Amino acid sequence: MGLALRATGNNEQMVRGLGSDTNKNILLGCAISNGLVALAGSVVAQAQGFADAGMGIGMIVMGLASVIIGETIFRTRGVAGLLLAAIFGAFVYRLIITIALRLGMAPGDLKLVTAVLVILAMAIPYIKKKLRGEWLPPAERW
């Protein structure tokens, strides 16, 4: 079932062609995801002794930035490699935020630093291809 869930995220048409119910897989994936988020939120609230509606703001951005940075730096295959890349990406993300704070940036400006960091992480593969001369405009690929 786990492989079907992962395959549904990568290529929904192929999974449907193999006879698996993709709607059920998507629903199950969302249910597992939301359950893990609820569990994590309850553990944090229990550890801190209180809960606030704005406690999770920024976690999605941090998670997205961690995954993008990790996958950009490490071109890995397999679940273990992707998990390690995301963990390393979270470390790099936090390191850059810490450096920005140490340089005297206001905490409110961290959203700008995060946005620039994510954009740079997404642009690095294209910049590497452009420097090697491998990049082609989309119209010339066909």
Protein backbone atom coordinates (compact mmCIF):
# COMPACT_ATOMS: atom_id res chain seq x y z
CA MET A 1 0.00 0.00 0.00
CA GLY A 2 2.90 2.34 0.76
CA LEU A 3 4.36 1.84 -2.71
CA ALA A 4 0.96 2.52 -4.25
CA LEU A 5 0.70 5.75 -2.26
CA ARG A 6 4.15 6.87 -3.37
CA ALA A 7 3.51 5.88 -6.98
CA THR A 8 0.21 7.79 -6.98
CA GLY A 9 2.11 10.93 -6.08
CA ASN A 10 4.61 10.39 -8.90
CA ASN A 11 2.43 9.11 -11.75
CA GLU A 12 -1.29 8.89 -11.11
CA GLN A 13 -2.14 7.61 -14.61
CA MET A 14 0.26 4.67 -14.31
CA VAL A 15 -1.19 3.64 -10.96
CA ARG A 16 -4.70 3.88 -12.37
CA GLY A 17 -3.56 1.72 -15.30
CA LEU A 18 -2.27 -0.91 -12.87
CA GLY A 19 -5.74 -1.21 -11.36
CA SER A 20 -5.30 0.69 -8.11
CA ASP A 21 -7.92 3.21 -6.98
CA THR A 22 -6.06 6.53 -7.08
CA ASN A 23 -8.84 8.44 -5.34
CA LYS A 24 -8.61 6.06 -2.40
CA ASN A 25 -4.81 6.40 -2.37
CA ILE A 26 -5.01 10.21 -2.36
CA LEU A 27 -7.60 10.17 0.42
CA LEU A 28 -5.51 7.76 2.48
CA GLY A 29 -2.37 9.86 1.96
CA CYS A 30 -4.18 13.03 3.07
CA ALA A 31 -5.61 11.20 6.11
CA ILE A 32 -2.17 9.92 7.16
CA SER A 33 -0.63 13.36 6.58
CA ASN A 34 -3.26 15.18 8.61
CA GLY A 35 -3.07 12.59 11.37
CA LEU A 36 0.70 13.05 11.67
CA VAL A 37 0.30 16.84 11.69
CA ALA A 38 -2.31 16.58 14.46
CA LEU A 39 -0.06 14.26 16.46
CA ALA A 40 2.90 16.61 16.10
CA GLY A 41 0.79 19.60 17.10
CA SER A 42 -0.54 17.84 20.16
CA VAL A 43 2.97 16.79 21.24
CA VAL A 44 4.23 20.38 20.89
CA ALA A 45 1.23 21.76 22.80
CA GLN A 46 1.78 19.16 25.53
CA ALA A 47 5.48 19.99 25.80
CA GLN A 48 4.92 23.77 25.91
CA GLY A 49 1.89 23.60 28.17
CA PHE A 50 -0.31 25.76 25.93
CA ALA A 51 -1.63 26.00 22.38
CA ASP A 52 -2.06 29.00 20.11
CA ALA A 53 -3.78 29.28 16.73
CA GLY A 54 -0.68 30.86 15.16
CA MET A 55 1.85 28.32 16.41
CA GLY A 56 2.25 26.47 13.11
CA ILE A 57 2.55 29.48 10.84
CA GLY A 58 5.80 29.15 8.93
CA MET A 59 6.25 25.42 9.41
CA ILE A 60 4.96 24.65 5.92
CA VAL A 61 7.38 27.19 4.45
CA MET A 62 10.22 25.72 6.49
CA GLY A 63 9.33 22.20 5.39
CA LEU A 64 9.10 23.24 1.74
CA ALA A 65 12.40 25.11 1.93
CA SER A 66 14.08 22.16 3.65
CA VAL A 67 12.95 19.69 1.01
CA ILE A 68 13.86 21.96 -1.91
CA ILE A 69 17.28 22.84 -0.50
CA GLY A 70 18.04 19.22 0.37
CA GLU A 71 17.00 17.88 -3.03
CA THR A 72 18.95 20.63 -4.80
CA ILE A 73 22.17 19.96 -2.94
CA PHE A 74 21.85 16.16 -2.91
CA ARG A 75 20.53 14.48 -6.04
CA THR A 76 19.58 11.26 -4.27
CA ARG A 77 17.38 8.29 -5.02
CA GLY A 78 15.44 6.20 -2.59
CA VAL A 79 13.48 7.03 0.54
CA ALA A 80 16.46 7.05 2.92
CA GLY A 81 18.42 9.43 0.69
CA LEU A 82 15.46 11.77 0.36
CA LEU A 83 14.92 11.79 4.12
CA LEU A 84 18.59 12.57 4.75
CA ALA A 85 18.48 15.30 2.10
CA ALA A 86 15.43 16.89 3.78
CA ILE A 87 17.14 16.76 7.20
CA PHE A 88 20.28 18.36 5.77
CA GLY A 89 18.11 20.93 3.99
CA ALA A 90 16.45 21.83 7.32
CA PHE A 91 19.91 22.27 8.85
CA VAL A 92 21.04 24.57 6.01
CA TYR A 93 17.77 26.52 6.19
CA ARG A 94 18.13 27.11 9.95
CA LEU A 95 21.81 28.00 9.52
CA ILE A 96 20.98 30.70 6.96
CA ILE A 97 18.19 32.09 9.17
CA THR A 98 20.60 32.19 12.12
CA ILE A 99 23.23 34.00 10.03
CA ALA A 100 20.61 36.53 8.90
CA LEU A 101 19.61 37.20 12.52
CA ARG A 102 23.25 37.52 13.60
CA LEU A 103 23.85 40.07 10.84
CA GLY A 104 21.20 42.25 12.47
CA MET A 105 18.18 41.68 10.26
CA ALA A 106 14.82 42.28 11.89
CA PRO A 107 12.83 39.11 12.62
CA GLY A 108 10.07 40.42 10.37
CA ASP A 109 12.46 40.45 7.41
CA LEU A 110 13.03 36.71 7.69
CA LYS A 111 10.14 36.11 5.28
CA LEU A 112 12.17 37.91 2.62
CA VAL A 113 15.25 35.82 3.44
CA THR A 114 13.17 32.64 3.25
CA ALA A 115 11.63 33.62 -0.09
CA VAL A 116 15.03 34.47 -1.60
CA LEU A 117 16.48 31.22 -0.25
CA VAL A 118 13.71 29.09 -1.77
CA ILE A 119 13.99 30.91 -5.12
CA LEU A 120 17.76 30.38 -5.17
CA ALA A 121 17.38 26.71 -4.30
CA MET A 122 14.91 26.24 -7.14
CA ALA A 123 17.12 28.15 -9.59
CA ILE A 124 20.40 26.33 -8.86
CA PRO A 125 19.73 23.32 -11.15
CA TYR A 126 18.87 25.62 -14.06
CA ILE A 127 21.93 27.77 -13.43
CA LYS A 128 24.14 24.67 -13.42
CA LYS A 129 22.64 23.48 -16.72
CA LYS A 130 23.05 26.95 -18.22
CA LEU A 131 26.73 27.07 -17.22
CA ARG A 132 27.37 23.62 -18.72
CA GLY A 133 25.52 24.57 -21.91
CA GLU A 134 22.88 21.84 -21.47
CA TRP A 135 19.84 24.09 -21.00
CA LEU A 136 17.45 24.52 -23.89
CA PRO A 137 14.45 26.85 -24.00
CA PRO A 138 11.13 24.94 -23.74
CA ALA A 139 10.24 25.61 -27.39
CA GLU A 140 13.42 23.89 -28.63
CA ARG A 141 13.00 20.72 -26.53
CA TRP A 142 10.35 19.20 -28.76
